[in-house]
Each structure stands twice: as C-alpha cells, then as structure tokens.
C-alpha cells in the first residue's frame, strides 16, 4: 500500500505536468503531494506505534492445566518476574559431519517454571507440550524444564555437568520480536551462554499445556 502511494511514476508525471501548469494548478499539485506525504507518515506511525500497542493488549500466550486456563498479554508477561541470559543453539541434525552454531544473543523473558508455578494445583510429576502458531509442537520433560538438557561445546561435543535455564523469551538483544517467523515468543535456553539443541528452541510460541504424569 505504501509503495503504491509513493509510486515513482506518479511523482514523475506530477513533475512533468507542473511544467505546463498555471500558478493555481501548481499550488493544488503541491497540496496533493503534501497530502500524500502526510498520509504515508500517518500509516507508518500507526503501523509501528499502534501495532506495538496492540501486541501489548492482545492475548499471545495460553497456558493450560486440566480445566484451568491462563491467558497472557504481552503486558501480563512483562509483569511477571523476568529472566535474562545469553544462549546459543547447535543444529544437531548436521552432526557429526558439520558443526553449525548460532550466534550468541541475550534473551529476556519469563522462566517456564515461573509460568507453571502460577497454578496452585501443579502436579508433582508432569511434562509440558509447547505449541507454535503453525501447529508445530514439542514435548519437554520435567527434567528439561528444570534445565537438564544436552549441552555442547564449540566443537560439537557433549559436555558434562552443565545446565541451562529454560525461558519463554519475548525480547532478543533488547528488541521485542516483530519478525513473524519468530514472534510473538520463542523458547530459549540461557545462562552462561550454553549451546543447546536447536530443536528445543520452538518459535512462534502461543500455547503451553501441562500434562499430569502418574
């Protein structure tokens, strides 16, 4: 829509027409061009600031345990105790032929354990399913949620006696997720910049379900 408003051919035509216009016509053309510029600026403002406000007020995460459901807006998540740390992931499917590790970023979000602790009836033994907007989901054991996941070194070798903190991240390097391929939330494993399996880093997180284990 913005591109069409700023169609270069239109401006070129206006410029050419201006050469043959009367003074009054030139004034009217100038007003028209100014109106277009104001309209574009308004669209950009609403798209950026209005969109950010909507993100804060829309329900972006649902957490379910049995018949109990908790829904969170972006503002709700930010009001919970936040957690910040650095982390990376490794593409385990390429091992051992190739070692591909993501760049290190600082992630800010809410610990998964914090979200689970909002339920008074949280079972002693459980597992969790985290689902993305596109329907992709992955199950996490209680041990993984508590940080006991496989951690690798720079050479793609598994390390011993290392843990990470599992969070639902809403910001990366201080910037909120606006990329539709990741937003609104993602799973991240952080602390002392651990390297964890990429398949655990679910993007577009929108739904978490807690399952009772006997």
N, C-alpha and C. Protein backbone atom coordinates (compact mmCIF):
# COMPACT_ATOMS: atom_id res chain seq x y z
N UNK A 1 0.83 -1.19 0.00
CA UNK A 1 0.00 0.00 0.00
C UNK A 1 0.87 1.24 0.00
N UNK A 2 1.92 1.27 0.83
CA UNK A 2 2.83 2.41 0.91
C UNK A 2 3.54 2.61 -0.42
N UNK A 3 3.95 1.47 -1.04
CA UNK A 3 4.64 1.55 -2.31
C UNK A 3 3.76 2.19 -3.35
N UNK A 4 2.46 1.82 -3.35
CA UNK A 4 1.56 2.38 -4.35
C UNK A 4 1.37 3.87 -4.14
N UNK A 5 1.36 4.32 -2.88
CA UNK A 5 1.21 5.74 -2.59
C UNK A 5 2.41 6.53 -3.05
N UNK A 6 3.56 5.89 -3.02
CA UNK A 6 4.80 6.55 -3.38
C UNK A 6 5.25 6.14 -4.78
N UNK A 7 4.32 5.78 -5.60
CA UNK A 7 4.64 5.33 -6.94
C UNK A 7 5.48 6.38 -7.66
N UNK A 8 6.67 5.97 -8.06
CA UNK A 8 7.61 6.92 -8.67
C UNK A 8 7.06 7.50 -9.96
N UNK A 9 6.35 6.68 -10.71
CA UNK A 9 5.80 7.18 -11.96
C UNK A 9 4.82 8.32 -11.72
N UNK A 10 4.07 8.19 -10.64
CA UNK A 10 3.10 9.24 -10.32
C UNK A 10 3.80 10.55 -10.06
N UNK A 11 4.88 10.49 -9.27
CA UNK A 11 5.62 11.70 -8.95
C UNK A 11 6.28 12.29 -10.20
N UNK A 12 6.82 11.43 -11.06
CA UNK A 12 7.43 11.92 -12.29
C UNK A 12 6.39 12.62 -13.16
N UNK A 13 5.20 12.03 -13.25
CA UNK A 13 4.13 12.62 -14.04
C UNK A 13 3.71 13.96 -13.48
N UNK A 14 3.64 14.02 -12.13
CA UNK A 14 3.29 15.28 -11.49
C UNK A 14 4.33 16.35 -11.79
N UNK A 15 5.60 15.93 -11.76
CA UNK A 15 6.67 16.88 -12.03
C UNK A 15 6.60 17.40 -13.45
N UNK A 16 6.34 16.50 -14.41
CA UNK A 16 6.24 16.90 -15.81
C UNK A 16 5.04 17.81 -16.04
N UNK A 17 3.93 17.44 -15.42
CA UNK A 17 2.72 18.24 -15.59
C UNK A 17 2.87 19.63 -15.01
N UNK A 18 3.67 19.72 -13.93
CA UNK A 18 3.85 21.00 -13.25
C UNK A 18 4.47 22.05 -14.18
N UNK A 19 5.30 21.59 -15.11
CA UNK A 19 5.98 22.50 -16.02
C UNK A 19 4.98 23.27 -16.89
N UNK A 20 3.83 22.68 -17.15
CA UNK A 20 2.85 23.31 -18.03
C UNK A 20 1.64 23.85 -17.27
N UNK A 21 1.72 23.83 -15.95
CA UNK A 21 0.59 24.25 -15.14
C UNK A 21 0.61 25.75 -14.87
N UNK A 22 -0.56 26.28 -14.56
CA UNK A 22 -0.68 27.66 -14.10
C UNK A 22 -0.25 27.73 -12.64
N UNK A 23 -0.11 28.92 -12.11
CA UNK A 23 0.27 29.07 -10.71
C UNK A 23 -0.71 28.41 -9.77
N UNK A 24 -2.00 28.54 -10.08
CA UNK A 24 -3.02 27.92 -9.24
C UNK A 24 -2.91 26.41 -9.26
N UNK A 25 -2.69 25.85 -10.48
CA UNK A 25 -2.57 24.39 -10.60
C UNK A 25 -1.36 23.88 -9.84
N UNK A 26 -0.27 24.67 -9.88
CA UNK A 26 0.92 24.24 -9.16
C UNK A 26 0.69 24.19 -7.66
N UNK A 27 -0.07 25.15 -7.17
CA UNK A 27 -0.39 25.16 -5.73
C UNK A 27 -1.22 23.95 -5.38
N UNK A 28 -2.21 23.64 -6.22
CA UNK A 28 -3.06 22.48 -5.95
C UNK A 28 -2.24 21.18 -5.99
N UNK A 29 -1.31 21.11 -6.96
CA UNK A 29 -0.46 19.93 -7.06
C UNK A 29 0.43 19.80 -5.82
N UNK A 30 0.96 20.92 -5.36
CA UNK A 30 1.79 20.90 -4.16
C UNK A 30 1.02 20.42 -2.95
N UNK A 31 -0.24 20.85 -2.87
CA UNK A 31 -1.08 20.40 -1.75
C UNK A 31 -1.32 18.90 -1.83
N UNK A 32 -1.53 18.43 -3.07
CA UNK A 32 -1.77 16.99 -3.26
C UNK A 32 -0.55 16.18 -2.83
N UNK A 33 0.64 16.61 -3.26
CA UNK A 33 1.86 15.91 -2.88
C UNK A 33 2.05 15.93 -1.37
N UNK A 34 1.78 17.08 -0.74
CA UNK A 34 1.91 17.18 0.72
C UNK A 34 0.95 16.23 1.42
N UNK A 35 -0.26 16.13 0.87
CA UNK A 35 -1.26 15.24 1.46
C UNK A 35 -0.80 13.79 1.40
N UNK A 36 -0.18 13.41 0.26
CA UNK A 36 0.33 12.06 0.12
C UNK A 36 1.41 11.79 1.16
N UNK A 37 2.32 12.74 1.35
CA UNK A 37 3.40 12.57 2.32
C UNK A 37 2.85 12.42 3.73
N UNK A 38 1.86 13.25 4.07
CA UNK A 38 1.24 13.18 5.40
C UNK A 38 0.55 11.83 5.59
N UNK A 39 -0.13 11.35 4.53
CA UNK A 39 -0.82 10.06 4.63
C UNK A 39 0.16 8.93 4.87
N UNK A 40 1.28 8.96 4.15
CA UNK A 40 2.29 7.92 4.33
C UNK A 40 2.86 7.96 5.74
N UNK A 41 3.15 9.17 6.23
CA UNK A 41 3.69 9.31 7.59
C UNK A 41 2.71 8.78 8.62
N UNK A 42 1.43 9.03 8.39
CA UNK A 42 0.40 8.55 9.32
C UNK A 42 0.33 7.03 9.33
N UNK A 43 0.40 6.44 8.13
CA UNK A 43 0.38 4.97 8.04
C UNK A 43 1.57 4.36 8.75
N UNK A 44 2.75 4.93 8.56
CA UNK A 44 3.94 4.43 9.22
C UNK A 44 3.82 4.54 10.73
N UNK A 45 3.28 5.65 11.20
CA UNK A 45 3.15 5.86 12.65
C UNK A 45 2.19 4.85 13.25
N UNK A 46 1.04 4.71 12.62
CA UNK A 46 0.03 3.76 13.14
C UNK A 46 0.54 2.34 13.08
N UNK A 47 1.23 2.00 11.98
CA UNK A 47 1.73 0.63 11.82
C UNK A 47 2.73 0.29 12.90
N UNK A 48 3.59 1.26 13.25
CA UNK A 48 4.64 0.97 14.23
C UNK A 48 4.13 1.10 15.65
N UNK A 49 3.63 2.29 16.00
CA UNK A 49 3.24 2.52 17.39
C UNK A 49 1.91 1.87 17.72
N UNK A 50 0.95 1.96 16.79
CA UNK A 50 -0.33 1.32 17.05
C UNK A 50 -0.20 -0.18 17.10
N UNK A 51 0.66 -0.74 16.22
CA UNK A 51 0.87 -2.19 16.21
C UNK A 51 1.50 -2.66 17.49
N UNK A 52 2.47 -1.89 17.99
CA UNK A 52 3.13 -2.27 19.24
C UNK A 52 2.15 -2.26 20.39
N UNK A 53 1.24 -1.25 20.41
CA UNK A 53 0.24 -1.18 21.47
C UNK A 53 -0.69 -2.38 21.42
N UNK A 54 -1.08 -2.78 20.20
CA UNK A 54 -1.96 -3.94 20.06
C UNK A 54 -1.30 -5.20 20.58
N UNK A 55 0.01 -5.34 20.31
CA UNK A 55 0.74 -6.50 20.79
C UNK A 55 0.67 -6.57 22.31
N UNK A 56 0.76 -5.43 22.96
CA UNK A 56 0.75 -5.41 24.42
C UNK A 56 -0.61 -5.82 24.98
N UNK A 57 -1.69 -5.61 24.23
CA UNK A 57 -3.03 -5.85 24.76
C UNK A 57 -3.65 -7.16 24.29
N UNK A 58 -3.17 -7.73 23.22
CA UNK A 58 -3.73 -8.98 22.72
C UNK A 58 -3.25 -10.16 23.54
N UNK A 59 -4.09 -11.19 23.63
CA UNK A 59 -3.69 -12.43 24.27
C UNK A 59 -2.72 -13.16 23.34
N UNK A 60 -1.50 -13.38 23.81
CA UNK A 60 -0.50 -14.01 22.94
C UNK A 60 -0.04 -15.37 23.45
N UNK A 61 -0.39 -15.70 24.69
CA UNK A 61 0.04 -16.99 25.24
C UNK A 61 -1.06 -17.57 26.12
N UNK A 62 -1.33 -18.86 25.91
CA UNK A 62 -2.29 -19.58 26.74
C UNK A 62 -1.56 -20.75 27.39
N UNK A 63 -1.75 -20.88 28.72
CA UNK A 63 -1.15 -21.98 29.47
C UNK A 63 -2.29 -22.76 30.12
N UNK A 64 -2.29 -24.07 29.88
CA UNK A 64 -3.43 -24.90 30.31
C UNK A 64 -2.96 -26.04 31.20
N UNK A 65 -3.72 -26.26 32.27
CA UNK A 65 -3.55 -27.43 33.14
C UNK A 65 -4.93 -27.97 33.45
N UNK A 66 -5.28 -29.11 32.85
CA UNK A 66 -6.61 -29.67 33.06
C UNK A 66 -7.69 -28.71 32.58
N UNK A 67 -8.61 -28.35 33.47
CA UNK A 67 -9.69 -27.44 33.12
C UNK A 67 -9.33 -25.98 33.39
N UNK A 68 -8.14 -25.75 33.89
CA UNK A 68 -7.72 -24.38 34.22
C UNK A 68 -6.89 -23.80 33.09
N UNK A 69 -7.27 -22.60 32.67
CA UNK A 69 -6.57 -21.94 31.57
C UNK A 69 -6.16 -20.54 31.99
N UNK A 70 -4.91 -20.20 31.73
CA UNK A 70 -4.41 -18.85 31.99
C UNK A 70 -3.95 -18.24 30.68
N UNK A 71 -4.45 -17.03 30.42
CA UNK A 71 -4.09 -16.34 29.19
C UNK A 71 -3.29 -15.09 29.52
N UNK A 72 -2.30 -14.81 28.69
CA UNK A 72 -1.40 -13.70 28.95
C UNK A 72 -1.30 -12.77 27.75
N UNK A 73 -1.35 -11.48 28.04
CA UNK A 73 -0.98 -10.49 27.04
C UNK A 73 0.52 -10.24 27.18
N UNK A 74 1.05 -9.48 26.26
CA UNK A 74 2.46 -9.12 26.35
C UNK A 74 2.74 -8.39 27.66
N UNK A 75 1.83 -7.49 28.03
CA UNK A 75 1.98 -6.73 29.28
C UNK A 75 1.95 -7.65 30.50
N UNK A 76 1.07 -8.65 30.45
CA UNK A 76 0.98 -9.62 31.55
C UNK A 76 2.32 -10.33 31.75
N UNK A 77 2.93 -10.76 30.65
CA UNK A 77 4.20 -11.48 30.74
C UNK A 77 5.29 -10.58 31.31
N UNK A 78 5.29 -9.31 30.90
CA UNK A 78 6.30 -8.39 31.38
C UNK A 78 6.12 -8.09 32.87
N UNK A 79 4.90 -8.27 33.38
CA UNK A 79 4.65 -8.02 34.80
C UNK A 79 5.10 -9.19 35.68
N UNK A 80 5.33 -10.35 35.06
CA UNK A 80 5.88 -11.47 35.81
C UNK A 80 7.38 -11.27 36.01
N UNK A 81 7.94 -12.03 36.93
CA UNK A 81 9.39 -11.92 37.17
C UNK A 81 10.15 -12.26 35.89
N UNK A 82 10.97 -11.34 35.44
CA UNK A 82 11.69 -11.55 34.18
C UNK A 82 13.02 -12.25 34.44
N UNK A 83 13.54 -12.84 33.37
CA UNK A 83 14.83 -13.52 33.44
C UNK A 83 15.59 -13.20 32.16
N UNK A 84 16.88 -12.91 32.33
CA UNK A 84 17.70 -12.50 31.19
C UNK A 84 18.99 -13.32 31.18
N UNK A 85 19.38 -13.75 29.99
CA UNK A 85 20.63 -14.50 29.87
C UNK A 85 20.99 -14.74 28.42
N UNK A 86 22.21 -15.17 28.20
CA UNK A 86 22.69 -15.43 26.84
C UNK A 86 22.65 -16.92 26.55
N UNK A 87 22.47 -17.24 25.28
CA UNK A 87 22.43 -18.64 24.88
C UNK A 87 22.63 -18.79 23.39
N UNK A 88 22.93 -20.02 22.97
CA UNK A 88 23.11 -20.36 21.56
C UNK A 88 22.52 -21.74 21.33
N UNK A 89 22.32 -22.06 20.05
CA UNK A 89 21.86 -23.41 19.74
C UNK A 89 22.71 -24.00 18.63
N UNK A 90 22.73 -25.33 18.58
CA UNK A 90 23.51 -26.06 17.59
C UNK A 90 22.56 -26.92 16.77
N UNK A 91 22.79 -26.97 15.46
CA UNK A 91 21.95 -27.77 14.58
C UNK A 91 22.40 -29.23 14.67
N UNK A 92 21.77 -29.97 15.55
CA UNK A 92 22.19 -31.34 15.86
C UNK A 92 22.02 -32.29 14.67
N UNK A 93 21.10 -31.98 13.76
CA UNK A 93 20.89 -32.87 12.61
C UNK A 93 22.12 -32.92 11.69
N UNK A 94 22.96 -31.90 11.79
CA UNK A 94 24.14 -31.85 10.92
C UNK A 94 25.36 -32.53 11.53
N UNK A 95 25.25 -32.88 12.82
CA UNK A 95 26.36 -33.57 13.49
C UNK A 95 26.43 -35.02 13.04
N UNK A 96 27.61 -35.65 12.99
CA UNK A 96 28.92 -35.06 13.30
C UNK A 96 29.64 -34.47 12.09
N UNK A 97 28.98 -34.49 10.92
CA UNK A 97 29.64 -34.04 9.70
C UNK A 97 29.93 -32.54 9.71
N UNK A 98 29.04 -31.77 10.32
CA UNK A 98 29.21 -30.33 10.31
C UNK A 98 28.75 -29.76 11.65
N UNK A 99 29.48 -28.77 12.15
CA UNK A 99 29.14 -28.11 13.41
C UNK A 99 28.65 -26.70 13.09
N UNK A 100 27.35 -26.49 13.21
CA UNK A 100 26.78 -25.17 12.94
C UNK A 100 26.13 -24.65 14.21
N UNK A 101 26.70 -23.57 14.74
CA UNK A 101 26.24 -22.99 16.00
C UNK A 101 25.75 -21.56 15.73
N UNK A 102 24.62 -21.22 16.31
CA UNK A 102 24.06 -19.88 16.12
C UNK A 102 24.92 -18.85 16.83
N UNK A 103 24.74 -17.58 16.47
CA UNK A 103 25.41 -16.50 17.17
C UNK A 103 24.83 -16.37 18.57
N UNK A 104 25.61 -15.83 19.47
CA UNK A 104 25.15 -15.63 20.84
C UNK A 104 24.30 -14.37 20.91
N UNK A 105 23.15 -14.50 21.59
CA UNK A 105 22.27 -13.35 21.80
C UNK A 105 21.82 -13.34 23.25
N UNK A 106 21.42 -12.18 23.71
CA UNK A 106 20.88 -12.07 25.06
C UNK A 106 19.36 -12.09 24.96
N UNK A 107 18.75 -13.01 25.70
CA UNK A 107 17.30 -13.19 25.64
C UNK A 107 16.68 -12.75 26.96
N UNK A 108 15.52 -12.10 26.84
CA UNK A 108 14.76 -11.68 28.01
C UNK A 108 13.37 -12.29 27.94
N UNK A 109 12.91 -12.82 29.04
CA UNK A 109 11.59 -13.43 29.06
C UNK A 109 11.20 -13.89 30.44
N UNK A 110 10.40 -14.94 30.48
CA UNK A 110 9.89 -15.49 31.74
C UNK A 110 10.30 -16.96 31.81
N UNK A 111 10.82 -17.37 32.94
CA UNK A 111 11.16 -18.78 33.10
C UNK A 111 9.90 -19.63 32.98
N UNK A 112 10.04 -20.76 32.33
CA UNK A 112 8.90 -21.66 32.19
C UNK A 112 8.41 -22.11 33.56
N UNK A 113 9.34 -22.33 34.47
CA UNK A 113 8.94 -22.73 35.82
C UNK A 113 8.09 -21.66 36.49
N UNK A 114 8.36 -20.40 36.19
CA UNK A 114 7.55 -19.30 36.75
C UNK A 114 6.11 -19.37 36.24
N UNK A 115 5.94 -19.66 34.95
CA UNK A 115 4.60 -19.80 34.38
C UNK A 115 3.86 -20.97 35.01
N UNK A 116 4.57 -22.07 35.20
CA UNK A 116 3.93 -23.26 35.77
C UNK A 116 3.54 -23.04 37.23
N UNK A 117 4.34 -22.29 37.94
CA UNK A 117 4.07 -22.05 39.36
C UNK A 117 2.87 -21.15 39.60
N UNK A 118 2.29 -20.59 38.54
CA UNK A 118 1.07 -19.79 38.70
C UNK A 118 -0.14 -20.67 39.00
N UNK A 119 0.01 -21.98 38.78
CA UNK A 119 -1.07 -22.93 39.07
C UNK A 119 -0.92 -23.47 40.48
N UNK A 120 -1.96 -23.31 41.28
CA UNK A 120 -1.93 -23.84 42.65
C UNK A 120 -1.94 -25.36 42.66
N UNK A 121 -2.49 -25.97 41.60
CA UNK A 121 -2.62 -27.42 41.56
C UNK A 121 -1.58 -28.06 40.65
N UNK A 122 -0.42 -27.44 40.49
CA UNK A 122 0.64 -28.01 39.67
C UNK A 122 1.02 -29.38 40.22
N UNK A 123 0.93 -30.43 39.40
CA UNK A 123 1.22 -31.78 39.89
C UNK A 123 2.70 -31.95 40.22
N UNK A 124 2.98 -32.96 41.03
CA UNK A 124 4.37 -33.22 41.41
C UNK A 124 5.17 -33.74 40.23
N UNK A 125 4.52 -34.55 39.40
CA UNK A 125 5.18 -35.09 38.22
C UNK A 125 4.41 -34.68 36.97
N UNK A 126 5.11 -34.13 36.01
CA UNK A 126 4.42 -33.63 34.82
C UNK A 126 5.37 -33.56 33.63
N UNK A 127 4.78 -33.34 32.47
CA UNK A 127 5.51 -32.99 31.26
C UNK A 127 4.77 -31.83 30.61
N UNK A 128 5.41 -31.17 29.67
CA UNK A 128 4.81 -29.98 29.07
C UNK A 128 4.89 -30.06 27.55
N UNK A 129 3.81 -29.69 26.89
CA UNK A 129 3.80 -29.54 25.44
C UNK A 129 3.76 -28.06 25.10
N UNK A 130 4.67 -27.63 24.25
CA UNK A 130 4.69 -26.24 23.80
C UNK A 130 4.39 -26.22 22.31
N UNK A 131 3.41 -25.41 21.94
CA UNK A 131 2.94 -25.39 20.55
C UNK A 131 3.14 -24.01 19.93
N UNK A 132 3.49 -24.01 18.63
CA UNK A 132 3.67 -22.78 17.88
C UNK A 132 2.39 -22.41 17.14
N UNK A 133 2.36 -21.21 16.60
CA UNK A 133 1.19 -20.74 15.87
C UNK A 133 0.88 -21.60 14.66
N UNK A 134 1.90 -22.18 14.06
CA UNK A 134 1.69 -23.00 12.86
C UNK A 134 1.32 -24.45 13.18
N UNK A 135 1.14 -24.76 14.48
CA UNK A 135 0.74 -26.10 14.88
C UNK A 135 1.89 -27.00 15.30
N UNK A 136 3.12 -26.61 15.00
CA UNK A 136 4.28 -27.41 15.40
C UNK A 136 4.35 -27.46 16.92
N UNK A 137 4.64 -28.62 17.48
CA UNK A 137 4.72 -28.73 18.93
C UNK A 137 5.84 -29.69 19.32
N UNK A 138 6.29 -29.55 20.55
CA UNK A 138 7.32 -30.44 21.08
C UNK A 138 7.05 -30.65 22.56
N UNK A 139 7.34 -31.86 23.02
CA UNK A 139 7.15 -32.20 24.43
C UNK A 139 8.46 -32.03 25.19
N UNK A 140 8.35 -31.49 26.39
CA UNK A 140 9.50 -31.32 27.27
C UNK A 140 9.27 -32.07 28.56
N UNK A 141 10.28 -32.78 28.99
CA UNK A 141 10.18 -33.49 30.27
C UNK A 141 10.34 -32.49 31.40
N UNK A 142 9.96 -32.92 32.58
CA UNK A 142 10.12 -32.07 33.75
C UNK A 142 11.60 -31.75 33.98
N UNK A 143 12.45 -32.71 33.71
CA UNK A 143 13.88 -32.51 33.87
C UNK A 143 14.40 -31.44 32.91
N UNK A 144 13.93 -31.46 31.66
CA UNK A 144 14.36 -30.46 30.69
C UNK A 144 13.89 -29.06 31.10
N UNK A 145 12.67 -28.98 31.58
CA UNK A 145 12.14 -27.69 32.01
C UNK A 145 12.97 -27.11 33.15
N UNK A 146 13.52 -27.99 33.97
CA UNK A 146 14.36 -27.56 35.08
C UNK A 146 15.81 -27.31 34.66
N UNK A 147 16.08 -27.42 33.36
CA UNK A 147 17.39 -27.03 32.84
C UNK A 147 18.34 -28.16 32.51
N UNK A 148 17.92 -29.39 32.71
CA UNK A 148 18.81 -30.54 32.45
C UNK A 148 18.64 -30.99 31.00
N UNK A 149 19.34 -30.29 30.12
CA UNK A 149 19.30 -30.59 28.70
C UNK A 149 20.72 -30.86 28.21
N UNK A 150 20.82 -31.44 27.02
CA UNK A 150 22.13 -31.72 26.44
C UNK A 150 22.81 -30.40 26.07
N UNK A 151 24.05 -30.23 26.52
CA UNK A 151 24.81 -29.01 26.23
C UNK A 151 26.11 -29.39 25.53
N UNK A 152 26.43 -28.63 24.49
CA UNK A 152 27.59 -28.92 23.64
C UNK A 152 28.67 -27.86 23.82
N UNK A 153 29.90 -28.25 23.41
CA UNK A 153 30.97 -27.27 23.38
C UNK A 153 31.12 -26.74 21.95
N UNK A 154 32.09 -25.89 21.72
CA UNK A 154 32.29 -25.26 20.42
C UNK A 154 32.62 -26.28 19.31
N UNK A 155 33.08 -27.44 19.70
CA UNK A 155 33.45 -28.48 18.73
C UNK A 155 32.31 -29.45 18.44
N UNK A 156 31.16 -29.21 19.05
CA UNK A 156 30.03 -30.10 18.83
C UNK A 156 30.05 -31.33 19.71
N UNK A 157 30.87 -31.31 20.74
CA UNK A 157 30.95 -32.43 21.67
C UNK A 157 30.07 -32.16 22.89
N UNK A 158 29.43 -33.21 23.38
CA UNK A 158 28.57 -33.07 24.55
C UNK A 158 29.41 -32.85 25.79
N UNK A 159 29.01 -31.87 26.60
CA UNK A 159 29.72 -31.57 27.84
C UNK A 159 29.02 -32.25 29.02
N UNK A 160 29.71 -32.31 30.13
CA UNK A 160 29.16 -32.93 31.34
C UNK A 160 28.85 -31.88 32.40
N UNK A 161 27.89 -32.20 33.25
CA UNK A 161 27.60 -31.40 34.44
C UNK A 161 27.32 -29.93 34.11
N UNK A 162 26.51 -29.69 33.10
CA UNK A 162 26.13 -28.32 32.75
C UNK A 162 24.61 -28.25 32.62
N UNK A 163 24.06 -27.12 32.98
CA UNK A 163 22.61 -26.92 32.89
C UNK A 163 22.33 -25.56 32.26
N UNK A 164 21.08 -25.33 31.95
CA UNK A 164 20.65 -24.06 31.38
C UNK A 164 19.28 -23.72 31.96
N UNK A 165 18.88 -22.48 31.80
CA UNK A 165 17.56 -22.05 32.25
C UNK A 165 16.64 -21.91 31.05
N UNK A 166 15.49 -22.58 31.10
CA UNK A 166 14.53 -22.54 30.00
C UNK A 166 13.57 -21.39 30.20
N UNK A 167 13.50 -20.51 29.20
CA UNK A 167 12.60 -19.36 29.30
C UNK A 167 11.71 -19.26 28.07
N UNK A 168 10.61 -18.54 28.22
CA UNK A 168 9.81 -18.10 27.09
C UNK A 168 10.24 -16.66 26.84
N UNK A 169 11.00 -16.47 25.77
CA UNK A 169 11.60 -15.16 25.51
C UNK A 169 10.66 -14.27 24.69
N UNK A 170 10.60 -12.99 25.09
CA UNK A 170 9.83 -12.01 24.32
C UNK A 170 10.74 -10.92 23.74
N UNK A 171 12.04 -10.98 24.06
CA UNK A 171 12.97 -9.98 23.52
C UNK A 171 14.33 -10.62 23.27
N UNK A 172 15.00 -10.12 22.25
CA UNK A 172 16.33 -10.60 21.90
C UNK A 172 17.25 -9.39 21.71
N UNK A 173 18.31 -9.36 22.50
CA UNK A 173 19.22 -8.20 22.49
C UNK A 173 18.46 -6.90 22.73
N UNK A 174 17.47 -6.97 23.61
CA UNK A 174 16.72 -5.78 23.99
C UNK A 174 15.60 -5.38 23.05
N UNK A 175 15.41 -6.13 21.95
CA UNK A 175 14.38 -5.80 20.97
C UNK A 175 13.27 -6.84 21.02
N UNK A 176 12.02 -6.36 21.08
CA UNK A 176 10.89 -7.26 21.06
C UNK A 176 10.77 -7.93 19.70
N UNK A 177 10.23 -9.13 19.69
CA UNK A 177 10.09 -9.87 18.44
C UNK A 177 8.98 -9.26 17.58
N UNK A 178 9.36 -8.78 16.40
CA UNK A 178 8.39 -8.28 15.43
C UNK A 178 8.40 -9.13 14.17
N UNK A 179 9.43 -9.97 14.02
CA UNK A 179 9.54 -10.86 12.87
C UNK A 179 8.48 -11.96 12.96
N UNK A 180 7.63 -12.06 11.95
CA UNK A 180 6.53 -13.03 12.01
C UNK A 180 7.02 -14.47 12.04
N UNK A 181 8.27 -14.71 11.65
CA UNK A 181 8.82 -16.06 11.70
C UNK A 181 9.17 -16.49 13.12
N UNK A 182 9.25 -15.53 14.04
CA UNK A 182 9.61 -15.82 15.42
C UNK A 182 8.52 -15.36 16.39
N UNK A 183 7.97 -14.19 16.14
CA UNK A 183 7.01 -13.57 17.06
C UNK A 183 5.78 -14.45 17.27
N UNK A 184 5.13 -14.31 18.41
CA UNK A 184 5.42 -13.30 19.42
C UNK A 184 6.45 -13.73 20.47
N UNK A 185 6.65 -15.03 20.60
CA UNK A 185 7.51 -15.56 21.66
C UNK A 185 8.33 -16.73 21.13
N UNK A 186 9.41 -17.06 21.84
CA UNK A 186 10.17 -18.25 21.50
C UNK A 186 10.77 -18.88 22.74
N UNK A 187 11.06 -20.16 22.64
CA UNK A 187 11.77 -20.86 23.71
C UNK A 187 13.26 -20.55 23.57
N UNK A 188 13.92 -20.33 24.69
CA UNK A 188 15.37 -20.13 24.68
C UNK A 188 15.95 -20.78 25.93
N UNK A 189 17.17 -21.29 25.79
CA UNK A 189 17.90 -21.86 26.92
C UNK A 189 19.12 -20.98 27.17
N UNK A 190 19.15 -20.38 28.35
CA UNK A 190 20.15 -19.35 28.62
C UNK A 190 20.87 -19.60 29.94
N UNK A 191 21.80 -18.75 30.18
CA UNK A 191 22.60 -18.57 31.40
C UNK A 191 23.99 -18.17 30.97
N UNK A 192 24.97 -19.07 31.17
CA UNK A 192 26.34 -18.74 30.80
C UNK A 192 26.63 -19.05 29.36
N UNK A 193 25.74 -18.59 28.46
CA UNK A 193 25.90 -18.79 27.02
C UNK A 193 25.99 -20.27 26.62
N UNK A 194 25.11 -21.12 27.13
CA UNK A 194 25.17 -22.55 26.80
C UNK A 194 24.81 -22.80 25.34
N UNK A 195 25.29 -23.90 24.80
CA UNK A 195 24.96 -24.33 23.43
C UNK A 195 24.05 -25.54 23.56
N UNK A 196 22.80 -25.40 23.17
CA UNK A 196 21.81 -26.46 23.33
C UNK A 196 21.21 -26.84 21.98
N UNK A 197 20.54 -28.00 21.89
CA UNK A 197 19.99 -28.47 20.61
C UNK A 197 18.97 -27.50 20.01
N UNK A 198 19.08 -27.25 18.73
CA UNK A 198 18.20 -26.29 18.06
C UNK A 198 16.75 -26.72 18.06
N UNK A 199 16.50 -28.03 18.07
CA UNK A 199 15.11 -28.50 18.02
C UNK A 199 14.33 -28.17 19.28
N UNK A 200 15.02 -27.74 20.33
CA UNK A 200 14.34 -27.36 21.57
C UNK A 200 13.89 -25.90 21.56
N UNK A 201 14.38 -25.14 20.58
CA UNK A 201 14.11 -23.71 20.53
C UNK A 201 12.87 -23.43 19.66
N UNK A 202 11.72 -23.71 20.19
CA UNK A 202 10.48 -23.50 19.44
C UNK A 202 10.23 -22.00 19.23
N UNK A 203 9.84 -21.64 18.00
CA UNK A 203 9.50 -20.26 17.67
C UNK A 203 7.98 -20.10 17.60
N UNK A 204 7.52 -18.87 17.56
CA UNK A 204 6.09 -18.54 17.45
C UNK A 204 5.26 -19.22 18.54
N UNK A 205 5.80 -19.28 19.73
CA UNK A 205 5.12 -19.96 20.83
C UNK A 205 3.80 -19.25 21.16
N UNK A 206 2.73 -20.04 21.27
CA UNK A 206 1.42 -19.46 21.59
C UNK A 206 0.64 -20.28 22.61
N UNK A 207 1.06 -21.52 22.86
CA UNK A 207 0.24 -22.41 23.69
C UNK A 207 1.13 -23.37 24.47
N UNK A 208 0.85 -23.50 25.75
CA UNK A 208 1.58 -24.43 26.62
C UNK A 208 0.56 -25.27 27.38
N UNK A 209 0.76 -26.57 27.35
CA UNK A 209 -0.15 -27.45 28.10
C UNK A 209 0.66 -28.34 29.04
N UNK A 210 0.20 -28.41 30.26
CA UNK A 210 0.85 -29.21 31.29
C UNK A 210 0.10 -30.54 31.42
N UNK A 211 0.85 -31.64 31.37
CA UNK A 211 0.24 -32.97 31.44
C UNK A 211 0.65 -33.66 32.74
N UNK A 212 -0.32 -34.19 33.43
CA UNK A 212 -0.07 -34.94 34.65
C UNK A 212 0.55 -36.30 34.31
N UNK A 213 1.60 -36.65 35.02
CA UNK A 213 2.21 -37.97 34.88
C UNK A 213 1.98 -38.74 36.17
N UNK A 214 1.56 -39.98 36.04
CA UNK A 214 1.31 -40.82 37.22
C UNK A 214 2.63 -41.29 37.83
